[in-house]
Amino acid sequence: MSQESLDAKARKWNSLQSKRFGSSKKTAFVDTGKQSLPAEHVRKIIKVSRALQPKSPAGPFSIREG
């Protein structure tokens, strides 16, 4: 083989390997960290949880005698 054909093969091999193993490959998963809930959702959760709690007749700070 001549030197020119070897150089052409080497260039082709390098280009194929850089396409195959290059850093331009995309990753499947990117961790964006924990997302916070919007304020409207937090308010709705608190409102629903308060509605589901039983009401005590004497209030939350009463002392029970028993």
PDB file of N, CA and C in Angstrom:
ATOM      1  N   MET A   1       0.835  -1.186   0.000  1.00  0.00           N
ATOM      2  CA  MET A   1       0.000   0.000   0.000  1.00  0.00           C
ATOM      3  C   MET A   1       0.879   1.248   0.000  1.00  0.00           C
ATOM      4  N   SER A   2       0.393   2.230  -0.689  1.00  0.00           N
ATOM      5  CA  SER A   2       1.165   3.472  -0.747  1.00  0.00           C
ATOM      6  C   SER A   2       0.909   4.307   0.512  1.00  0.00           C
ATOM      7  N   GLN A   3       1.756   5.269   0.735  1.00  0.00           N
ATOM      8  CA  GLN A   3       1.645   6.134   1.912  1.00  0.00           C
ATOM      9  C   GLN A   3       0.365   6.968   1.852  1.00  0.00           C
ATOM     10  N   GLU A   4      -0.032   7.379   0.644  1.00  0.00           N
ATOM     11  CA  GLU A   4      -1.245   8.188   0.506  1.00  0.00           C
ATOM     12  C   GLU A   4      -2.499   7.388   0.892  1.00  0.00           C
ATOM     13  N   SER A   5      -2.558   6.129   0.469  1.00  0.00           N
ATOM     14  CA  SER A   5      -3.729   5.320   0.811  1.00  0.00           C
ATOM     15  C   SER A   5      -3.763   5.012   2.314  1.00  0.00           C
ATOM     16  N   LEU A   6      -2.568   4.804   2.915  1.00  0.00           N
ATOM     17  CA  LEU A   6      -2.525   4.596   4.357  1.00  0.00           C
ATOM     18  C   LEU A   6      -2.994   5.846   5.114  1.00  0.00           C
ATOM     19  N   ASP A   7      -2.571   7.011   4.643  1.00  0.00           N
ATOM     20  CA  ASP A   7      -3.002   8.266   5.271  1.00  0.00           C
ATOM     21  C   ASP A   7      -4.512   8.458   5.137  1.00  0.00           C
ATOM     22  N   ALA A   8      -5.058   8.120   3.967  1.00  0.00           N
ATOM     23  CA  ALA A   8      -6.493   8.257   3.748  1.00  0.00           C
ATOM     24  C   ALA A   8      -7.250   7.298   4.667  1.00  0.00           C
ATOM     25  N   LYS A   9      -6.776   6.072   4.812  1.00  0.00           N
ATOM     26  CA  LYS A   9      -7.412   5.104   5.713  1.00  0.00           C
ATOM     27  C   LYS A   9      -7.339   5.582   7.165  1.00  0.00           C
ATOM     28  N   ALA A  10      -6.189   6.133   7.530  1.00  0.00           N
ATOM     29  CA  ALA A  10      -6.016   6.625   8.904  1.00  0.00           C
ATOM     30  C   ALA A  10      -6.978   7.771   9.185  1.00  0.00           C
ATOM     31  N   ARG A  11      -7.135   8.690   8.230  1.00  0.00           N
ATOM     32  CA  ARG A  11      -8.072   9.804   8.404  1.00  0.00           C
ATOM     33  C   ARG A  11      -9.511   9.295   8.521  1.00  0.00           C
ATOM     34  N   LYS A  12      -9.862   8.337   7.668  1.00  0.00           N
ATOM     35  CA  LYS A  12     -11.207   7.784   7.704  1.00  0.00           C
ATOM     36  C   LYS A  12     -11.462   7.058   9.030  1.00  0.00           C
ATOM     37  N   TRP A  13     -10.484   6.286   9.479  1.00  0.00           N
ATOM     38  CA  TRP A  13     -10.629   5.558  10.739  1.00  0.00           C
ATOM     39  C   TRP A  13     -10.783   6.537  11.901  1.00  0.00           C
ATOM     40  N   ASN A  14      -9.980   7.588  11.914  1.00  0.00           N
ATOM     41  CA  ASN A  14     -10.064   8.607  12.977  1.00  0.00           C
ATOM     42  C   ASN A  14     -11.423   9.302  12.971  1.00  0.00           C
ATOM     43  N   SER A  15     -11.926   9.631  11.793  1.00  0.00           N
ATOM     44  CA  SER A  15     -13.216  10.311  11.735  1.00  0.00           C
ATOM     45  C   SER A  15     -14.336   9.381  12.202  1.00  0.00           C
ATOM     46  N   LEU A  16     -14.285   8.108  11.832  1.00  0.00           N
ATOM     47  CA  LEU A  16     -15.303   7.157  12.281  1.00  0.00           C
ATOM     48  C   LEU A  16     -15.260   6.978  13.796  1.00  0.00           C
ATOM     49  N   GLN A  17     -14.053   6.888  14.357  1.00  0.00           N
ATOM     50  CA  GLN A  17     -13.929   6.715  15.801  1.00  0.00           C
ATOM     51  C   GLN A  17     -14.382   7.960  16.564  1.00  0.00           C
ATOM     52  N   SER A  18     -14.095   9.125  16.014  1.00  0.00           N
ATOM     53  CA  SER A  18     -14.532  10.347  16.701  1.00  0.00           C
ATOM     54  C   SER A  18     -16.051  10.480  16.648  1.00  0.00           C
ATOM     55  N   LYS A  19     -16.675  10.025  15.567  1.00  0.00           N
ATOM     56  CA  LYS A  19     -18.138  10.032  15.509  1.00  0.00           C
ATOM     57  C   LYS A  19     -18.713   9.010  16.483  1.00  0.00           C
ATOM     58  N   ARG A  20     -18.033   7.876  16.599  1.00  0.00           N
ATOM     59  CA  ARG A  20     -18.535   6.793  17.436  1.00  0.00           C
ATOM     60  C   ARG A  20     -18.373   7.070  18.921  1.00  0.00           C
ATOM     61  N   PHE A  21     -17.217   7.573  19.319  1.00  0.00           N
ATOM     62  CA  PHE A  21     -16.907   7.759  20.737  1.00  0.00           C
ATOM     63  C   PHE A  21     -16.752   9.224  21.134  1.00  0.00           C
ATOM     64  N   GLY A  22     -17.140  10.132  20.279  1.00  0.00           N
ATOM     65  CA  GLY A  22     -16.961  11.555  20.560  1.00  0.00           C
ATOM     66  C   GLY A  22     -17.821  12.029  21.706  1.00  0.00           C
ATOM     67  N   SER A  23     -17.521  13.190  22.224  1.00  0.00           N
ATOM     68  CA  SER A  23     -18.248  13.736  23.362  1.00  0.00           C
ATOM     69  C   SER A  23     -19.587  14.336  22.948  1.00  0.00           C
ATOM     70  N   SER A  24     -19.912  14.297  21.684  1.00  0.00           N
ATOM     71  CA  SER A  24     -21.183  14.865  21.238  1.00  0.00           C
ATOM     72  C   SER A  24     -22.347  13.910  21.428  1.00  0.00           C
ATOM     73  N   LYS A  25     -22.102  12.721  22.000  1.00  0.00           N
ATOM     74  CA  LYS A  25     -23.207  11.799  22.267  1.00  0.00           C
ATOM     75  C   LYS A  25     -24.088  12.376  23.359  1.00  0.00           C
ATOM     76  N   LYS A  26     -25.385  12.242  23.183  1.00  0.00           N
ATOM     77  CA  LYS A  26     -26.327  12.766  24.165  1.00  0.00           C
ATOM     78  C   LYS A  26     -26.534  11.734  25.265  1.00  0.00           C
ATOM     79  N   THR A  27     -26.708  12.231  26.481  1.00  0.00           N
ATOM     80  CA  THR A  27     -26.980  11.332  27.588  1.00  0.00           C
ATOM     81  C   THR A  27     -28.480  11.109  27.688  1.00  0.00           C
ATOM     82  N   ALA A  28     -28.868  10.017  28.280  1.00  0.00           N
ATOM     83  CA  ALA A  28     -30.277   9.663  28.361  1.00  0.00           C
ATOM     84  C   ALA A  28     -30.987  10.379  29.507  1.00  0.00           C
ATOM     85  N   PHE A  29     -30.288  10.709  30.585  1.00  0.00           N
ATOM     86  CA  PHE A  29     -30.933  11.285  31.749  1.00  0.00           C
ATOM     87  C   PHE A  29     -30.097  12.429  32.295  1.00  0.00           C
ATOM     88  N   VAL A  30     -30.736  13.553  32.553  1.00  0.00           N
ATOM     89  CA  VAL A  30     -30.056  14.702  33.145  1.00  0.00           C
ATOM     90  C   VAL A  30     -30.789  15.055  34.425  1.00  0.00           C
ATOM     91  N   ASP A  31     -30.068  15.024  35.545  1.00  0.00           N
ATOM     92  CA  ASP A  31     -30.669  15.331  36.833  1.00  0.00           C
ATOM     93  C   ASP A  31     -30.758  16.842  37.000  1.00  0.00           C
ATOM     94  N   THR A  32     -31.974  17.361  37.126  1.00  0.00           N
ATOM     95  CA  THR A  32     -32.161  18.804  37.261  1.00  0.00           C
ATOM     96  C   THR A  32     -32.337  19.225  38.703  1.00  0.00           C
ATOM     97  N   GLY A  33     -32.271  18.283  39.616  1.00  0.00           N
ATOM     98  CA  GLY A  33     -32.448  18.609  41.023  1.00  0.00           C
ATOM     99  C   GLY A  33     -33.917  18.564  41.402  1.00  0.00           C
ATOM    100  N   LYS A  34     -34.187  18.807  42.643  1.00  0.00           N
ATOM    101  CA  LYS A  34     -35.562  18.740  43.135  1.00  0.00           C
ATOM    102  C   LYS A  34     -36.286  20.033  42.796  1.00  0.00           C
ATOM    103  N   GLN A  35     -37.436  19.906  42.182  1.00  0.00           N
ATOM    104  CA  GLN A  35     -38.234  21.066  41.813  1.00  0.00           C
ATOM    105  C   GLN A  35     -39.190  21.396  42.946  1.00  0.00           C
ATOM    106  N   SER A  36     -39.340  22.673  43.253  1.00  0.00           N
ATOM    107  CA  SER A  36     -40.264  23.071  44.308  1.00  0.00           C
ATOM    108  C   SER A  36     -41.670  23.205  43.719  1.00  0.00           C
ATOM    109  N   LEU A  37     -42.670  22.991  44.588  1.00  0.00           N
ATOM    110  CA  LEU A  37     -44.053  23.119  44.147  1.00  0.00           C
ATOM    111  C   LEU A  37     -44.427  24.593  44.036  1.00  0.00           C
ATOM    112  N   PRO A  38     -45.266  24.930  43.065  1.00  0.00           N
ATOM    113  CA  PRO A  38     -45.764  26.308  42.997  1.00  0.00           C
ATOM    114  C   PRO A  38     -46.619  26.627  44.226  1.00  0.00           C
ATOM    115  N   ALA A  39     -46.717  27.870  44.574  1.00  0.00           N
ATOM    116  CA  ALA A  39     -47.420  28.300  45.773  1.00  0.00           C
ATOM    117  C   ALA A  39     -48.893  27.891  45.755  1.00  0.00           C
ATOM    118  N   GLU A  40     -49.523  27.894  44.571  1.00  0.00           N
ATOM    119  CA  GLU A  40     -50.941  27.531  44.498  1.00  0.00           C
ATOM    120  C   GLU A  40     -51.155  26.088  44.938  1.00  0.00           C
ATOM    121  N   HIS A  41     -50.254  25.198  44.554  1.00  0.00           N
ATOM    122  CA  HIS A  41     -50.381  23.790  44.929  1.00  0.00           C
ATOM    123  C   HIS A  41     -50.186  23.606  46.426  1.00  0.00           C
ATOM    124  N   VAL A  42     -49.231  24.314  46.995  1.00  0.00           N
ATOM    125  CA  VAL A  42     -48.979  24.199  48.434  1.00  0.00           C
ATOM    126  C   VAL A  42     -50.194  24.679  49.215  1.00  0.00           C
ATOM    127  N   ARG A  43     -50.778  25.795  48.785  1.00  0.00           N
ATOM    128  CA  ARG A  43     -51.968  26.314  49.466  1.00  0.00           C
ATOM    129  C   ARG A  43     -53.126  25.323  49.394  1.00  0.00           C
ATOM    130  N   LYS A  44     -53.304  24.707  48.237  1.00  0.00           N
ATOM    131  CA  LYS A  44     -54.398  23.748  48.080  1.00  0.00           C
ATOM    132  C   LYS A  44     -54.188  22.526  48.971  1.00  0.00           C
ATOM    133  N   ILE A  45     -52.962  22.041  49.065  1.00  0.00           N
ATOM    134  CA  ILE A  45     -52.656  20.881  49.911  1.00  0.00           C
ATOM    135  C   ILE A  45     -52.944  21.210  51.374  1.00  0.00           C
ATOM    136  N   ILE A  46     -52.541  22.380  51.828  1.00  0.00           N
ATOM    137  CA  ILE A  46     -52.778  22.778  53.222  1.00  0.00           C
ATOM    138  C   ILE A  46     -54.273  22.927  53.482  1.00  0.00           C
ATOM    139  N   LYS A  47     -54.991  23.525  52.547  1.00  0.00           N
ATOM    140  CA  LYS A  47     -56.430  23.728  52.709  1.00  0.00           C
ATOM    141  C   LYS A  47     -57.163  22.392  52.813  1.00  0.00           C
ATOM    142  N   VAL A  48     -56.814  21.445  51.961  1.00  0.00           N
ATOM    143  CA  VAL A  48     -57.468  20.135  51.971  1.00  0.00           C
ATOM    144  C   VAL A  48     -57.108  19.373  53.240  1.00  0.00           C
ATOM    145  N   SER A  49     -55.845  19.445  53.671  1.00  0.00           N
ATOM    146  CA  SER A  49     -55.451  18.705  54.870  1.00  0.00           C
ATOM    147  C   SER A  49     -56.130  19.273  56.119  1.00  0.00           C
ATOM    148  N   ARG A  50     -56.352  20.572  56.174  1.00  0.00           N
ATOM    149  CA  ARG A  50     -57.054  21.177  57.313  1.00  0.00           C
ATOM    150  C   ARG A  50     -58.523  20.781  57.311  1.00  0.00           C
ATOM    151  N   ALA A  51     -59.104  20.646  56.129  1.00  0.00           N
ATOM    152  CA  ALA A  51     -60.513  20.270  56.035  1.00  0.00           C
ATOM    153  C   ALA A  51     -60.717  18.825  56.471  1.00  0.00           C
ATOM    154  N   LEU A  52     -59.716  17.988  56.304  1.00  0.00           N
ATOM    155  CA  LEU A  52     -59.842  16.580  56.652  1.00  0.00           C
ATOM    156  C   LEU A  52     -59.595  16.302  58.126  1.00  0.00           C
ATOM    157  N   GLN A  53     -58.972  17.231  58.859  1.00  0.00           N
ATOM    158  CA  GLN A  53     -58.680  17.021  60.280  1.00  0.00           C
ATOM    159  C   GLN A  53     -59.946  17.203  61.104  1.00  0.00           C
ATOM    160  N   PRO A  54     -60.140  16.363  62.139  1.00  0.00           N
ATOM    161  CA  PRO A  54     -61.337  16.527  62.986  1.00  0.00           C
ATOM    162  C   PRO A  54     -61.210  17.782  63.850  1.00  0.00           C
ATOM    163  N   LYS A  55     -62.337  18.431  64.039  1.00  0.00           N
ATOM    164  CA  LYS A  55     -62.364  19.661  64.850  1.00  0.00           C
ATOM    165  C   LYS A  55     -62.557  19.282  66.319  1.00  0.00           C
ATOM    166  N   SER A  56     -61.768  19.903  67.203  1.00  0.00           N
ATOM    167  CA  SER A  56     -61.964  19.660  68.634  1.00  0.00           C
ATOM    168  C   SER A  56     -62.831  20.793  69.186  1.00  0.00           C
ATOM    169  N   PRO A  57     -63.776  20.518  70.054  1.00  0.00           N
ATOM    170  CA  PRO A  57     -64.697  21.556  70.541  1.00  0.00           C
ATOM    171  C   PRO A  57     -64.026  22.587  71.437  1.00  0.00           C
ATOM    172  N   ALA A  58     -62.956  22.213  72.154  1.00  0.00           N
ATOM    173  CA  ALA A  58     -62.327  23.155  73.091  1.00  0.00           C
ATOM    174  C   ALA A  58     -61.161  23.904  72.469  1.00  0.00           C
ATOM    175  N   GLY A  59     -60.764  23.562  71.273  1.00  0.00           N
ATOM    176  CA  GLY A  59     -59.655  24.246  70.634  1.00  0.00           C
ATOM    177  C   GLY A  59     -58.373  23.431  70.682  1.00  0.00           C
ATOM    178  N   PRO A  60     -57.351  23.836  70.004  1.00  0.00           N
ATOM    179  CA  PRO A  60     -56.140  23.022  69.919  1.00  0.00           C
ATOM    180  C   PRO A  60     -55.270  23.054  71.169  1.00  0.00           C
ATOM    181  N   PHE A  61     -55.440  24.063  72.071  1.00  0.00           N
ATOM    182  CA  PHE A  61     -54.557  24.192  73.222  1.00  0.00           C
ATOM    183  C   PHE A  61     -55.249  23.885  74.543  1.00  0.00           C
ATOM    184  N   SER A  62     -56.353  23.195  74.490  1.00  0.00           N
ATOM    185  CA  SER A  62     -57.078  22.906  75.724  1.00  0.00           C
ATOM    186  C   SER A  62     -56.402  21.771  76.485  1.00  0.00           C
ATOM    187  N   ILE A  63     -56.555  21.783  77.805  1.00  0.00           N
ATOM    188  CA  ILE A  63     -55.995  20.735  78.654  1.00  0.00           C
ATOM    189  C   ILE A  63     -57.112  19.734  78.953  1.00  0.00           C
ATOM    190  N   ARG A  64     -56.860  18.527  78.654  1.00  0.00           N
ATOM    191  CA  ARG A  64     -57.867  17.490  78.877  1.00  0.00           C
ATOM    192  C   ARG A  64     -57.711  16.921  80.285  1.00  0.00           C
ATOM    193  N   GLU A  65     -58.778  16.871  80.990  1.00  0.00           N
ATOM    194  CA  GLU A  65     -58.766  16.274  82.330  1.00  0.00           C
ATOM    195  C   GLU A  65     -59.313  14.878  82.217  1.00  0.00           C
ATOM    196  N   GLY A  66     -58.709  13.990  82.881  1.00  0.00           N
ATOM    197  CA  GLY A  66     -59.229  12.710  82.660  1.00  0.00           C
ATOM    198  C   GLY A  66     -59.001  11.670  83.586  1.00  0.00           C
TER     199      GLY A  66
END
